[in-house]
Amino acid sequence: MLTLRPNCECCDKDLAPDALDAQICSYECTFCSDCVANRLPDSKCPNCGGELVRRPVRPAEKLATHPASTERVRKDHGFCR
């Protein structure tokens, strides 16, 4: 099950579980679509080099039993400053 991280790893923008601009790689590194388009080299995950795709939205009724993560992840990518 996806953890649905609550923020962009690059700019720290809040990304709600139903955010349509959240993008993830196969390791669930999470970025907002603005950072993917304008900051990430080649629009790829800077951690693994993998493809970034739109994160699926978990239905609201499922969030009650399977909530999104509250752990924020930030990494010091030089291009995110």
PDB file of N, CA and C in Angstrom:
ATOM      1  N   MET A   1       0.837  -1.171   0.000  1.00  0.00           N
ATOM      2  CA  MET A   1       0.000   0.000   0.000  1.00  0.00           C
ATOM      3  C   MET A   1       0.890   1.245   0.000  1.00  0.00           C
ATOM      4  N   LEU A   2       0.538   2.213  -0.806  1.00  0.00           N
ATOM      5  CA  LEU A   2       1.306   3.455  -0.866  1.00  0.00           C
ATOM      6  C   LEU A   2       1.211   4.213   0.460  1.00  0.00           C
ATOM      7  N   THR A   3       2.318   4.856   0.834  1.00  0.00           N
ATOM      8  CA  THR A   3       2.319   5.618   2.081  1.00  0.00           C
ATOM      9  C   THR A   3       1.650   6.979   1.937  1.00  0.00           C
ATOM     10  N   LEU A   4       1.576   7.501   0.718  1.00  0.00           N
ATOM     11  CA  LEU A   4       0.998   8.826   0.463  1.00  0.00           C
ATOM     12  C   LEU A   4       1.680   9.884   1.328  1.00  0.00           C
ATOM     13  N   ARG A   5       2.930  10.133   1.021  1.00  0.00           N
ATOM     14  CA  ARG A   5       3.702  11.129   1.772  1.00  0.00           C
ATOM     15  C   ARG A   5       3.047  12.503   1.668  1.00  0.00           C
ATOM     16  N   PRO A   6       3.164  13.309   2.731  1.00  0.00           N
ATOM     17  CA  PRO A   6       2.401  14.556   2.808  1.00  0.00           C
ATOM     18  C   PRO A   6       3.042  15.794   2.176  1.00  0.00           C
ATOM     19  N   ASN A   7       4.216  15.622   1.535  1.00  0.00           N
ATOM     20  CA  ASN A   7       4.888  16.815   1.015  1.00  0.00           C
ATOM     21  C   ASN A   7       5.788  16.491  -0.170  1.00  0.00           C
ATOM     22  N   CYS A   8       6.141  17.548  -0.891  1.00  0.00           N
ATOM     23  CA  CYS A   8       7.119  17.444  -1.968  1.00  0.00           C
ATOM     24  C   CYS A   8       8.500  17.389  -1.334  1.00  0.00           C
ATOM     25  N   GLU A   9       9.272  16.405  -1.733  1.00  0.00           N
ATOM     26  CA  GLU A   9      10.616  16.231  -1.191  1.00  0.00           C
ATOM     27  C   GLU A   9      11.543  17.380  -1.584  1.00  0.00           C
ATOM     28  N   CYS A  10      11.215  18.082  -2.640  1.00  0.00           N
ATOM     29  CA  CYS A  10      12.066  19.161  -3.143  1.00  0.00           C
ATOM     30  C   CYS A  10      11.720  20.513  -2.509  1.00  0.00           C
ATOM     31  N   CYS A  11      10.471  20.977  -2.670  1.00  0.00           N
ATOM     32  CA  CYS A  11      10.096  22.319  -2.201  1.00  0.00           C
ATOM     33  C   CYS A  11       9.303  22.312  -0.897  1.00  0.00           C
ATOM     34  N   ASP A  12       8.966  21.136  -0.392  1.00  0.00           N
ATOM     35  CA  ASP A  12       8.213  20.954   0.855  1.00  0.00           C
ATOM     36  C   ASP A  12       6.760  21.408   0.751  1.00  0.00           C
ATOM     37  N   LYS A  13       6.234  21.554  -0.450  1.00  0.00           N
ATOM     38  CA  LYS A  13       4.818  21.902  -0.628  1.00  0.00           C
ATOM     39  C   LYS A  13       3.955  20.790  -0.020  1.00  0.00           C
ATOM     40  N   ASP A  14       2.891  21.176   0.652  1.00  0.00           N
ATOM     41  CA  ASP A  14       1.944  20.205   1.190  1.00  0.00           C
ATOM     42  C   ASP A  14       1.238  19.497   0.033  1.00  0.00           C
ATOM     43  N   LEU A  15       1.132  18.174   0.146  1.00  0.00           N
ATOM     44  CA  LEU A  15       0.433  17.375  -0.853  1.00  0.00           C
ATOM     45  C   LEU A  15      -0.584  16.490  -0.130  1.00  0.00           C
ATOM     46  N   ALA A  16      -1.818  16.908  -0.170  1.00  0.00           N
ATOM     47  CA  ALA A  16      -2.893  16.153   0.481  1.00  0.00           C
ATOM     48  C   ALA A  16      -3.040  14.779  -0.169  1.00  0.00           C
ATOM     49  N   PRO A  17      -3.662  13.829   0.517  1.00  0.00           N
ATOM     50  CA  PRO A  17      -3.843  12.504  -0.066  1.00  0.00           C
ATOM     51  C   PRO A  17      -4.586  12.515  -1.401  1.00  0.00           C
ATOM     52  N   ASP A  18      -5.419  13.538  -1.629  1.00  0.00           N
ATOM     53  CA  ASP A  18      -6.152  13.630  -2.890  1.00  0.00           C
ATOM     54  C   ASP A  18      -5.536  14.629  -3.874  1.00  0.00           C
ATOM     55  N   ALA A  19      -4.279  15.019  -3.627  1.00  0.00           N
ATOM     56  CA  ALA A  19      -3.612  15.983  -4.511  1.00  0.00           C
ATOM     57  C   ALA A  19      -3.414  15.390  -5.900  1.00  0.00           C
ATOM     58  N   LEU A  20      -3.842  16.123  -6.902  1.00  0.00           N
ATOM     59  CA  LEU A  20      -3.680  15.670  -8.275  1.00  0.00           C
ATOM     60  C   LEU A  20      -2.325  16.042  -8.862  1.00  0.00           C
ATOM     61  N   ASP A  21      -1.567  16.871  -8.132  1.00  0.00           N
ATOM     62  CA  ASP A  21      -0.250  17.273  -8.629  1.00  0.00           C
ATOM     63  C   ASP A  21       0.889  16.540  -7.927  1.00  0.00           C
ATOM     64  N   ALA A  22       0.596  15.476  -7.183  1.00  0.00           N
ATOM     65  CA  ALA A  22       1.639  14.673  -6.538  1.00  0.00           C
ATOM     66  C   ALA A  22       2.150  13.632  -7.527  1.00  0.00           C
ATOM     67  N   GLN A  23       3.460  13.515  -7.610  1.00  0.00           N
ATOM     68  CA  GLN A  23       4.077  12.524  -8.493  1.00  0.00           C
ATOM     69  C   GLN A  23       5.042  11.674  -7.689  1.00  0.00           C
ATOM     70  N   ILE A  24       5.119  10.377  -8.037  1.00  0.00           N
ATOM     71  CA  ILE A  24       5.978   9.440  -7.318  1.00  0.00           C
ATOM     72  C   ILE A  24       6.769   8.577  -8.292  1.00  0.00           C
ATOM     73  N   CYS A  25       7.864   8.007  -7.759  1.00  0.00           N
ATOM     74  CA  CYS A  25       8.614   7.000  -8.506  1.00  0.00           C
ATOM     75  C   CYS A  25       8.273   5.637  -7.898  1.00  0.00           C
ATOM     76  N   SER A  26       8.911   4.585  -8.366  1.00  0.00           N
ATOM     77  CA  SER A  26       8.591   3.248  -7.863  1.00  0.00           C
ATOM     78  C   SER A  26       9.008   3.043  -6.407  1.00  0.00           C
ATOM     79  N   TYR A  27       9.849   3.942  -5.874  1.00  0.00           N
ATOM     80  CA  TYR A  27      10.246   3.878  -4.460  1.00  0.00           C
ATOM     81  C   TYR A  27       9.395   4.811  -3.600  1.00  0.00           C
ATOM     82  N   GLU A  28       8.431   5.464  -4.193  1.00  0.00           N
ATOM     83  CA  GLU A  28       7.521   6.407  -3.534  1.00  0.00           C
ATOM     84  C   GLU A  28       8.172   7.728  -3.154  1.00  0.00           C
ATOM     85  N   CYS A  29       9.309   8.065  -3.744  1.00  0.00           N
ATOM     86  CA  CYS A  29       9.830   9.418  -3.585  1.00  0.00           C
ATOM     87  C   CYS A  29       8.726  10.309  -4.150  1.00  0.00           C
ATOM     88  N   THR A  30       8.421  11.393  -3.465  1.00  0.00           N
ATOM     89  CA  THR A  30       7.242  12.191  -3.813  1.00  0.00           C
ATOM     90  C   THR A  30       7.625  13.633  -4.130  1.00  0.00           C
ATOM     91  N   PHE A  31       7.122  14.134  -5.242  1.00  0.00           N
ATOM     92  CA  PHE A  31       7.403  15.488  -5.695  1.00  0.00           C
ATOM     93  C   PHE A  31       6.126  16.113  -6.236  1.00  0.00           C
ATOM     94  N   CYS A  32       6.044  17.442  -6.190  1.00  0.00           N
ATOM     95  CA  CYS A  32       4.906  18.127  -6.808  1.00  0.00           C
ATOM     96  C   CYS A  32       5.197  18.247  -8.311  1.00  0.00           C
ATOM     97  N   SER A  33       4.147  18.398  -9.091  1.00  0.00           N
ATOM     98  CA  SER A  33       4.318  18.459 -10.546  1.00  0.00           C
ATOM     99  C   SER A  33       5.123  19.678 -10.987  1.00  0.00           C
ATOM    100  N   ASP A  34       5.056  20.781 -10.219  1.00  0.00           N
ATOM    101  CA  ASP A  34       5.841  21.966 -10.562  1.00  0.00           C
ATOM    102  C   ASP A  34       7.342  21.675 -10.454  1.00  0.00           C
ATOM    103  N   CYS A  35       7.762  21.021  -9.389  1.00  0.00           N
ATOM    104  CA  CYS A  35       9.181  20.679  -9.241  1.00  0.00           C
ATOM    105  C   CYS A  35       9.620  19.682 -10.307  1.00  0.00           C
ATOM    106  N   VAL A  36       8.762  18.712 -10.621  1.00  0.00           N
ATOM    107  CA  VAL A  36       9.104  17.733 -11.654  1.00  0.00           C
ATOM    108  C   VAL A  36       9.328  18.445 -12.988  1.00  0.00           C
ATOM    109  N   ALA A  37       8.458  19.372 -13.326  1.00  0.00           N
ATOM    110  CA  ALA A  37       8.549  20.063 -14.611  1.00  0.00           C
ATOM    111  C   ALA A  37       9.658  21.103 -14.669  1.00  0.00           C
ATOM    112  N   ASN A  38       9.939  21.760 -13.530  1.00  0.00           N
ATOM    113  CA  ASN A  38      10.832  22.919 -13.574  1.00  0.00           C
ATOM    114  C   ASN A  38      12.140  22.794 -12.807  1.00  0.00           C
ATOM    115  N   ARG A  39      12.291  21.806 -11.954  1.00  0.00           N
ATOM    116  CA  ARG A  39      13.503  21.722 -11.144  1.00  0.00           C
ATOM    117  C   ARG A  39      14.273  20.416 -11.292  1.00  0.00           C
ATOM    118  N   LEU A  40      13.574  19.314 -11.480  1.00  0.00           N
ATOM    119  CA  LEU A  40      14.256  18.020 -11.520  1.00  0.00           C
ATOM    120  C   LEU A  40      14.895  17.786 -12.877  1.00  0.00           C
ATOM    121  N   PRO A  41      16.180  17.450 -12.906  1.00  0.00           N
ATOM    122  CA  PRO A  41      16.854  17.187 -14.177  1.00  0.00           C
ATOM    123  C   PRO A  41      16.147  16.071 -14.953  1.00  0.00           C
ATOM    124  N   ASP A  42      15.793  16.353 -16.186  1.00  0.00           N
ATOM    125  CA  ASP A  42      15.119  15.392 -17.071  1.00  0.00           C
ATOM    126  C   ASP A  42      13.780  14.908 -16.521  1.00  0.00           C
ATOM    127  N   SER A  43      13.215  15.613 -15.546  1.00  0.00           N
ATOM    128  CA  SER A  43      11.932  15.244 -14.926  1.00  0.00           C
ATOM    129  C   SER A  43      11.934  13.822 -14.382  1.00  0.00           C
ATOM    130  N   LYS A  44      13.091  13.387 -13.897  1.00  0.00           N
ATOM    131  CA  LYS A  44      13.231  12.046 -13.318  1.00  0.00           C
ATOM    132  C   LYS A  44      13.520  12.154 -11.834  1.00  0.00           C
ATOM    133  N   CYS A  45      13.293  11.070 -11.117  1.00  0.00           N
ATOM    134  CA  CYS A  45      13.568  11.054  -9.686  1.00  0.00           C
ATOM    135  C   CYS A  45      15.067  11.271  -9.454  1.00  0.00           C
ATOM    136  N   PRO A  46      15.441  12.262  -8.660  1.00  0.00           N
ATOM    137  CA  PRO A  46      16.859  12.520  -8.425  1.00  0.00           C
ATOM    138  C   PRO A  46      17.505  11.479  -7.508  1.00  0.00           C
ATOM    139  N   ASN A  47      16.702  10.651  -6.855  1.00  0.00           N
ATOM    140  CA  ASN A  47      17.243   9.628  -5.958  1.00  0.00           C
ATOM    141  C   ASN A  47      17.585   8.335  -6.690  1.00  0.00           C
ATOM    142  N   CYS A  48      16.682   7.889  -7.578  1.00  0.00           N
ATOM    143  CA  CYS A  48      16.894   6.604  -8.244  1.00  0.00           C
ATOM    144  C   CYS A  48      16.988   6.718  -9.761  1.00  0.00           C
ATOM    145  N   GLY A  49      16.679   7.897 -10.311  1.00  0.00           N
ATOM    146  CA  GLY A  49      16.707   8.079 -11.757  1.00  0.00           C
ATOM    147  C   GLY A  49      15.480   7.526 -12.460  1.00  0.00           C
ATOM    148  N   GLY A  50      14.501   7.086 -11.667  1.00  0.00           N
ATOM    149  CA  GLY A  50      13.306   6.474 -12.233  1.00  0.00           C
ATOM    150  C   GLY A  50      12.265   7.455 -12.728  1.00  0.00           C
ATOM    151  N   GLU A  51      11.301   6.901 -13.420  1.00  0.00           N
ATOM    152  CA  GLU A  51      10.178   7.666 -13.966  1.00  0.00           C
ATOM    153  C   GLU A  51       9.285   8.165 -12.836  1.00  0.00           C
ATOM    154  N   LEU A  52       8.798   9.373 -12.979  1.00  0.00           N
ATOM    155  CA  LEU A  52       7.833   9.936 -12.039  1.00  0.00           C
ATOM    156  C   LEU A  52       6.472   9.968 -12.715  1.00  0.00           C
ATOM    157  N   VAL A  53       5.472   9.453 -12.013  1.00  0.00           N
ATOM    158  CA  VAL A  53       4.111   9.388 -12.532  1.00  0.00           C
ATOM    159  C   VAL A  53       3.153   9.973 -11.507  1.00  0.00           C
ATOM    160  N   ARG A  54       1.931  10.331 -11.957  1.00  0.00           N
ATOM    161  CA  ARG A  54       0.953  10.883 -11.026  1.00  0.00           C
ATOM    162  C   ARG A  54       0.615   9.844  -9.963  1.00  0.00           C
ATOM    163  N   ARG A  55       0.630  10.296  -8.715  1.00  0.00           N
ATOM    164  CA  ARG A  55       0.305   9.419  -7.601  1.00  0.00           C
ATOM    165  C   ARG A  55      -1.202   9.141  -7.597  1.00  0.00           C
ATOM    166  N   PRO A  56      -1.602   7.898  -7.442  1.00  0.00           N
ATOM    167  CA  PRO A  56      -3.040   7.603  -7.370  1.00  0.00           C
ATOM    168  C   PRO A  56      -3.662   8.246  -6.132  1.00  0.00           C
ATOM    169  N   VAL A  57      -4.951   8.533  -6.225  1.00  0.00           N
ATOM    170  CA  VAL A  57      -5.701   9.103  -5.110  1.00  0.00           C
ATOM    171  C   VAL A  57      -6.418   7.961  -4.385  1.00  0.00           C
ATOM    172  N   ARG A  58      -6.206   7.875  -3.086  1.00  0.00           N
ATOM    173  CA  ARG A  58      -6.923   6.883  -2.281  1.00  0.00           C
ATOM    174  C   ARG A  58      -8.315   7.432  -1.983  1.00  0.00           C
ATOM    175  N   PRO A  59      -9.358   6.630  -2.202  1.00  0.00           N
ATOM    176  CA  PRO A  59     -10.719   7.102  -1.918  1.00  0.00           C
ATOM    177  C   PRO A  59     -10.856   7.564  -0.468  1.00  0.00           C
ATOM    178  N   ALA A  60     -11.592   8.639  -0.264  1.00  0.00           N
ATOM    179  CA  ALA A  60     -11.742   9.244   1.068  1.00  0.00           C
ATOM    180  C   ALA A  60     -12.221   8.236   2.102  1.00  0.00           C
ATOM    181  N   GLU A  61     -13.135   7.349   1.737  1.00  0.00           N
ATOM    182  CA  GLU A  61     -13.641   6.382   2.706  1.00  0.00           C
ATOM    183  C   GLU A  61     -12.576   5.365   3.133  1.00  0.00           C
ATOM    184  N   LYS A  62     -11.571   5.164   2.317  1.00  0.00           N
ATOM    185  CA  LYS A  62     -10.469   4.247   2.664  1.00  0.00           C
ATOM    186  C   LYS A  62      -9.423   4.922   3.551  1.00  0.00           C
ATOM    187  N   LEU A  63      -9.355   6.249   3.503  1.00  0.00           N
ATOM    188  CA  LEU A  63      -8.387   6.970   4.349  1.00  0.00           C
ATOM    189  C   LEU A  63      -8.691   6.794   5.831  1.00  0.00           C
ATOM    190  N   ALA A  64      -9.927   6.526   6.171  1.00  0.00           N
ATOM    191  CA  ALA A  64     -10.294   6.331   7.576  1.00  0.00           C
ATOM    192  C   ALA A  64      -9.608   5.099   8.157  1.00  0.00           C
ATOM    193  N   THR A  65      -9.494   4.050   7.383  1.00  0.00           N
ATOM    194  CA  THR A  65      -8.861   2.820   7.873  1.00  0.00           C
ATOM    195  C   THR A  65      -7.416   2.684   7.425  1.00  0.00           C
ATOM    196  N   HIS A  66      -7.040   3.376   6.371  1.00  0.00           N
ATOM    197  CA  HIS A  66      -5.668   3.342   5.854  1.00  0.00           C
ATOM    198  C   HIS A  66      -5.205   4.776   5.591  1.00  0.00           C
ATOM    199  N   PRO A  67      -4.886   5.518   6.671  1.00  0.00           N
ATOM    200  CA  PRO A  67      -4.534   6.936   6.520  1.00  0.00           C
ATOM    201  C   PRO A  67      -3.205   7.163   5.798  1.00  0.00           C
ATOM    202  N   ALA A  68      -3.088   8.354   5.252  1.00  0.00           N
ATOM    203  CA  ALA A  68      -1.838   8.771   4.619  1.00  0.00           C
ATOM    204  C   ALA A  68      -0.768   8.997   5.683  1.00  0.00           C
ATOM    205  N   SER A  69       0.469   8.937   5.271  1.00  0.00           N
ATOM    206  CA  SER A  69       1.591   9.183   6.178  1.00  0.00           C
ATOM    207  C   SER A  69       1.605  10.642   6.626  1.00  0.00           C
ATOM    208  N   THR A  70       2.123  10.869   7.810  1.00  0.00           N
ATOM    209  CA  THR A  70       2.323  12.232   8.308  1.00  0.00           C
ATOM    210  C   THR A  70       3.809  12.575   8.371  1.00  0.00           C
ATOM    211  N   GLU A  71       4.658  11.618   8.000  1.00  0.00           N
ATOM    212  CA  GLU A  71       6.114  11.823   8.047  1.00  0.00           C
ATOM    213  C   GLU A  71       6.578  12.591   6.812  1.00  0.00           C
ATOM    214  N   ARG A  72       7.118  13.769   7.043  1.00  0.00           N
ATOM    215  CA  ARG A  72       7.608  14.605   5.957  1.00  0.00           C
ATOM    216  C   ARG A  72       9.027  14.180   5.585  1.00  0.00           C
ATOM    217  N   VAL A  73       9.296  14.123   4.283  1.00  0.00           N
ATOM    218  CA  VAL A  73      10.604  13.735   3.771  1.00  0.00           C
ATOM    219  C   VAL A  73      11.149  14.907   2.964  1.00  0.00           C
ATOM    220  N   ARG A  74      12.357  15.344   3.303  1.00  0.00           N
ATOM    221  CA  ARG A  74      13.059  16.398   2.555  1.00  0.00           C
ATOM    222  C   ARG A  74      14.475  15.925   2.313  1.00  0.00           C
ATOM    223  N   LYS A  75      14.996  16.203   1.155  1.00  0.00           N
ATOM    224  CA  LYS A  75      16.388  15.876   0.845  1.00  0.00           C
ATOM    225  C   LYS A  75      17.039  17.120   0.263  1.00  0.00           C
ATOM    226  N   ASP A  76      18.301  17.261   0.517  1.00  0.00           N
ATOM    227  CA  ASP A  76      19.023  18.457   0.094  1.00  0.00           C
ATOM    228  C   ASP A  76      19.546  18.298  -1.335  1.00  0.00           C
ATOM    229  N   HIS A  77      18.633  18.396  -2.286  1.00  0.00           N
ATOM    230  CA  HIS A  77      19.026  18.389  -3.701  1.00  0.00           C
ATOM    231  C   HIS A  77      19.416  19.831  -4.029  1.00  0.00           C
ATOM    232  N   GLY A  78      20.569  20.039  -4.579  1.00  0.00           N
ATOM    233  CA  GLY A  78      21.051  21.382  -4.870  1.00  0.00           C
ATOM    234  C   GLY A  78      20.126  22.192  -5.756  1.00  0.00           C
ATOM    235  N   PHE A  79      19.404  21.555  -6.641  1.00  0.00           N
ATOM    236  CA  PHE A  79      18.518  22.266  -7.570  1.00  0.00           C
ATOM    237  C   PHE A  79      17.187  22.632  -6.942  1.00  0.00           C
ATOM    238  N   CYS A  80      16.926  22.219  -5.703  1.00  0.00           N
ATOM    239  CA  CYS A  80      15.657  22.511  -5.045  1.00  0.00           C
ATOM    240  C   CYS A  80      15.715  23.783  -4.205  1.00  0.00           C
ATOM    241  N   ARG A  81      16.839  24.410  -4.117  1.00  0.00           N
ATOM    242  CA  ARG A  81      16.972  25.600  -3.265  1.00  0.00           C
ATOM    243  C   ARG A  81      16.294  26.798  -3.835  1.00  0.00           C
TER     244      ARG A  81
END
